[in-house]
Amino acid sequence: MMARLFANRIIRGVMTLEEVPAMWREQTRALLVADGYYDQGEE
C-alpha cells in the first residue's frame, strides 16, 4: 500500500526518489508506534 502511494507521488513529481527511504522509515515507524510496538520517545 505504501509503495503504491510513494510510486504515485514520484510519478506526479511530488517526491523524488531520494526522498523515499526517509519517508518510508518515517511512515513505518509511525505505523509501529500507532500499533504499540514502540513508545513515542524510543528510537
PDB file of N, CA and C in Angstrom:
ATOM      1  N   MET A   1       0.823  -1.196   0.000  1.00  0.00           N
ATOM      2  CA  MET A   1       0.000   0.000   0.000  1.00  0.00           C
ATOM      3  C   MET A   1       0.867   1.259   0.000  1.00  0.00           C
ATOM      4  N   MET A   2       1.837   1.305   0.903  1.00  0.00           N
ATOM      5  CA  MET A   2       2.702   2.480   0.952  1.00  0.00           C
ATOM      6  C   MET A   2       3.537   2.606  -0.312  1.00  0.00           C
ATOM      7  N   ALA A   3       3.965   1.467  -0.847  1.00  0.00           N
ATOM      8  CA  ALA A   3       4.771   1.508  -2.069  1.00  0.00           C
ATOM      9  C   ALA A   3       3.994   2.165  -3.202  1.00  0.00           C
ATOM     10  N   ARG A   4       2.722   1.854  -3.321  1.00  0.00           N
ATOM     11  CA  ARG A   4       1.887   2.465  -4.360  1.00  0.00           C
ATOM     12  C   ARG A   4       1.754   3.961  -4.124  1.00  0.00           C
ATOM     13  N   LEU A   5       1.577   4.359  -2.872  1.00  0.00           N
ATOM     14  CA  LEU A   5       1.477   5.771  -2.532  1.00  0.00           C
ATOM     15  C   LEU A   5       2.741   6.519  -2.951  1.00  0.00           C
ATOM     16  N   PHE A   6       3.900   5.952  -2.606  1.00  0.00           N
ATOM     17  CA  PHE A   6       5.160   6.581  -2.979  1.00  0.00           C
ATOM     18  C   PHE A   6       5.337   6.625  -4.486  1.00  0.00           C
ATOM     19  N   ALA A   7       4.991   5.536  -5.164  1.00  0.00           N
ATOM     20  CA  ALA A   7       5.118   5.487  -6.626  1.00  0.00           C
ATOM     21  C   ALA A   7       4.257   6.570  -7.268  1.00  0.00           C
ATOM     22  N   ASN A   8       3.034   6.733  -6.798  1.00  0.00           N
ATOM     23  CA  ASN A   8       2.152   7.768  -7.337  1.00  0.00           C
ATOM     24  C   ASN A   8       2.718   9.157  -7.111  1.00  0.00           C
ATOM     25  N   ARG A   9       3.298   9.399  -5.945  1.00  0.00           N
ATOM     26  CA  ARG A   9       3.886  10.712  -5.659  1.00  0.00           C
ATOM     27  C   ARG A   9       5.084  10.982  -6.557  1.00  0.00           C
ATOM     28  N   ILE A  10       5.898   9.956  -6.786  1.00  0.00           N
ATOM     29  CA  ILE A  10       7.071  10.114  -7.645  1.00  0.00           C
ATOM     30  C   ILE A  10       6.636  10.404  -9.080  1.00  0.00           C
ATOM     31  N   ILE A  11       5.630   9.649  -9.552  1.00  0.00           N
ATOM     32  CA  ILE A  11       5.128   9.845 -10.914  1.00  0.00           C
ATOM     33  C   ILE A  11       4.574  11.260 -11.083  1.00  0.00           C
ATOM     34  N   ARG A  12       3.858  11.742 -10.082  1.00  0.00           N
ATOM     35  CA  ARG A  12       3.281  13.090 -10.154  1.00  0.00           C
ATOM     36  C   ARG A  12       4.340  14.170  -9.944  1.00  0.00           C
ATOM     37  N   GLY A  13       5.524  13.781  -9.478  1.00  0.00           N
ATOM     38  CA  GLY A  13       6.584  14.746  -9.255  1.00  0.00           C
ATOM     39  C   GLY A  13       6.530  15.418  -7.900  1.00  0.00           C
ATOM     40  N   VAL A  14       5.705  14.893  -7.012  1.00  0.00           N
ATOM     41  CA  VAL A  14       5.594  15.458  -5.667  1.00  0.00           C
ATOM     42  C   VAL A  14       6.824  15.091  -4.839  1.00  0.00           C
ATOM     43  N   MET A  15       7.340  13.885  -5.068  1.00  0.00           N
ATOM     44  CA  MET A  15       8.512  13.400  -4.346  1.00  0.00           C
ATOM     45  C   MET A  15       9.595  13.015  -5.342  1.00  0.00           C
ATOM     46  N   THR A  16      10.830  13.036  -4.880  1.00  0.00           N
ATOM     47  CA  THR A  16      11.919  12.499  -5.687  1.00  0.00           C
ATOM     48  C   THR A  16      12.285  11.127  -5.132  1.00  0.00           C
ATOM     49  N   LEU A  17      12.974  10.345  -5.918  1.00  0.00           N
ATOM     50  CA  LEU A  17      13.365   9.005  -5.498  1.00  0.00           C
ATOM     51  C   LEU A  17      14.247   9.053  -4.252  1.00  0.00           C
ATOM     52  N   GLU A  18      15.027  10.135  -4.103  1.00  0.00           N
ATOM     53  CA  GLU A  18      15.917  10.258  -2.946  1.00  0.00           C
ATOM     54  C   GLU A  18      15.140  10.431  -1.644  1.00  0.00           C
ATOM     55  N   GLU A  19      13.926  10.937  -1.729  1.00  0.00           N
ATOM     56  CA  GLU A  19      13.134  11.178  -0.526  1.00  0.00           C
ATOM     57  C   GLU A  19      12.462   9.914   0.003  1.00  0.00           C
ATOM     58  N   VAL A  20      12.354   8.897  -0.828  1.00  0.00           N
ATOM     59  CA  VAL A  20      11.570   7.716  -0.459  1.00  0.00           C
ATOM     60  C   VAL A  20      12.083   6.997   0.792  1.00  0.00           C
ATOM     61  N   PRO A  21      13.391   6.689   0.897  1.00  0.00           N
ATOM     62  CA  PRO A  21      13.831   5.941   2.091  1.00  0.00           C
ATOM     63  C   PRO A  21      13.501   6.635   3.408  1.00  0.00           C
ATOM     64  N   ALA A  22      13.708   7.941   3.487  1.00  0.00           N
ATOM     65  CA  ALA A  22      13.416   8.673   4.719  1.00  0.00           C
ATOM     66  C   ALA A  22      11.915   8.667   5.006  1.00  0.00           C
ATOM     67  N   MET A  23      11.122   8.892   3.967  1.00  0.00           N
ATOM     68  CA  MET A  23       9.670   8.877   4.138  1.00  0.00           C
ATOM     69  C   MET A  23       9.193   7.481   4.556  1.00  0.00           C
ATOM     70  N   TRP A  24       9.793   6.461   3.935  1.00  0.00           N
ATOM     71  CA  TRP A  24       9.417   5.073   4.240  1.00  0.00           C
ATOM     72  C   TRP A  24       9.676   4.766   5.713  1.00  0.00           C
ATOM     73  N   ARG A  25      10.875   5.146   6.197  1.00  0.00           N
ATOM     74  CA  ARG A  25      11.215   4.917   7.611  1.00  0.00           C
ATOM     75  C   ARG A  25      10.255   5.663   8.523  1.00  0.00           C
ATOM     76  N   GLU A  26       9.970   6.909   8.170  1.00  0.00           N
ATOM     77  CA  GLU A  26       9.095   7.739   8.988  1.00  0.00           C
ATOM     78  C   GLU A  26       7.694   7.128   9.061  1.00  0.00           C
ATOM     79  N   GLN A  27       7.153   6.714   7.904  1.00  0.00           N
ATOM     80  CA  GLN A  27       5.815   6.134   7.860  1.00  0.00           C
ATOM     81  C   GLN A  27       5.768   4.795   8.595  1.00  0.00           C
ATOM     82  N   THR A  28       6.787   3.961   8.383  1.00  0.00           N
ATOM     83  CA  THR A  28       6.831   2.652   9.028  1.00  0.00           C
ATOM     84  C   THR A  28       6.884   2.813  10.541  1.00  0.00           C
ATOM     85  N   ARG A  29       7.737   3.729  11.007  1.00  0.00           N
ATOM     86  CA  ARG A  29       7.853   3.977  12.440  1.00  0.00           C
ATOM     87  C   ARG A  29       6.534   4.509  12.999  1.00  0.00           C
ATOM     88  N   ALA A  30       5.881   5.394  12.252  1.00  0.00           N
ATOM     89  CA  ALA A  30       4.600   5.943  12.698  1.00  0.00           C
ATOM     90  C   ALA A  30       3.559   4.833  12.844  1.00  0.00           C
ATOM     91  N   LEU A  31       3.554   3.895  11.896  1.00  0.00           N
ATOM     92  CA  LEU A  31       2.611   2.776  11.970  1.00  0.00           C
ATOM     93  C   LEU A  31       2.921   1.874  13.158  1.00  0.00           C
ATOM     94  N   LEU A  32       4.209   1.618  13.394  1.00  0.00           N
ATOM     95  CA  LEU A  32       4.593   0.766  14.519  1.00  0.00           C
ATOM     96  C   LEU A  32       4.248   1.429  15.847  1.00  0.00           C
ATOM     97  N   VAL A  33       4.452   2.742  15.936  1.00  0.00           N
ATOM     98  CA  VAL A  33       4.089   3.476  17.147  1.00  0.00           C
ATOM     99  C   VAL A  33       2.579   3.394  17.346  1.00  0.00           C
ATOM    100  N   ALA A  34       1.831   3.582  16.265  1.00  0.00           N
ATOM    101  CA  ALA A  34       0.366   3.542  16.342  1.00  0.00           C
ATOM    102  C   ALA A  34      -0.115   2.159  16.786  1.00  0.00           C
ATOM    103  N   ASP A  35       0.604   1.125  16.356  1.00  0.00           N
ATOM    104  CA  ASP A  35       0.233  -0.247  16.725  1.00  0.00           C
ATOM    105  C   ASP A  35       0.754  -0.639  18.110  1.00  0.00           C
ATOM    106  N   GLY A  36       1.548   0.243  18.718  1.00  0.00           N
ATOM    107  CA  GLY A  36       2.018  -0.011  20.067  1.00  0.00           C
ATOM    108  C   GLY A  36       3.325  -0.774  20.153  1.00  0.00           C
ATOM    109  N   TYR A  37       4.043  -0.918  19.033  1.00  0.00           N
ATOM    110  CA  TYR A  37       5.308  -1.637  19.065  1.00  0.00           C
ATOM    111  C   TYR A  37       6.424  -0.782  19.662  1.00  0.00           C
ATOM    112  N   TYR A  38       6.338   0.537  19.476  1.00  0.00           N
ATOM    113  CA  TYR A  38       7.341   1.446  20.011  1.00  0.00           C
ATOM    114  C   TYR A  38       6.653   2.503  20.844  1.00  0.00           C
ATOM    115  N   ASP A  39       7.373   2.990  21.848  1.00  0.00           N
ATOM    116  CA  ASP A  39       6.908   4.175  22.557  1.00  0.00           C
ATOM    117  C   ASP A  39       7.303   5.382  21.727  1.00  0.00           C
ATOM    118  N   GLN A  40       6.620   6.485  21.932  1.00  0.00           N
ATOM    119  CA  GLN A  40       6.911   7.690  21.157  1.00  0.00           C
ATOM    120  C   GLN A  40       8.364   8.140  21.296  1.00  0.00           C
ATOM    121  N   GLY A  41       8.946   8.018  22.489  1.00  0.00           N
ATOM    122  CA  GLY A  41      10.283   8.521  22.729  1.00  0.00           C
ATOM    123  C   GLY A  41      11.399   7.606  22.242  1.00  0.00           C
ATOM    124  N   GLU A  42      11.069   6.363  21.950  1.00  0.00           N
ATOM    125  CA  GLU A  42      12.105   5.402  21.573  1.00  0.00           C
ATOM    126  C   GLU A  42      12.583   5.588  20.149  1.00  0.00           C
ATOM    127  N   GLU A  43      13.840   5.286  19.921  1.00  0.00           N
ATOM    128  CA  GLU A  43      14.376   5.354  18.554  1.00  0.00           C
ATOM    129  C   GLU A  43      14.265   4.013  17.890  1.00  0.00           C
TER     130      GLU A  43
END
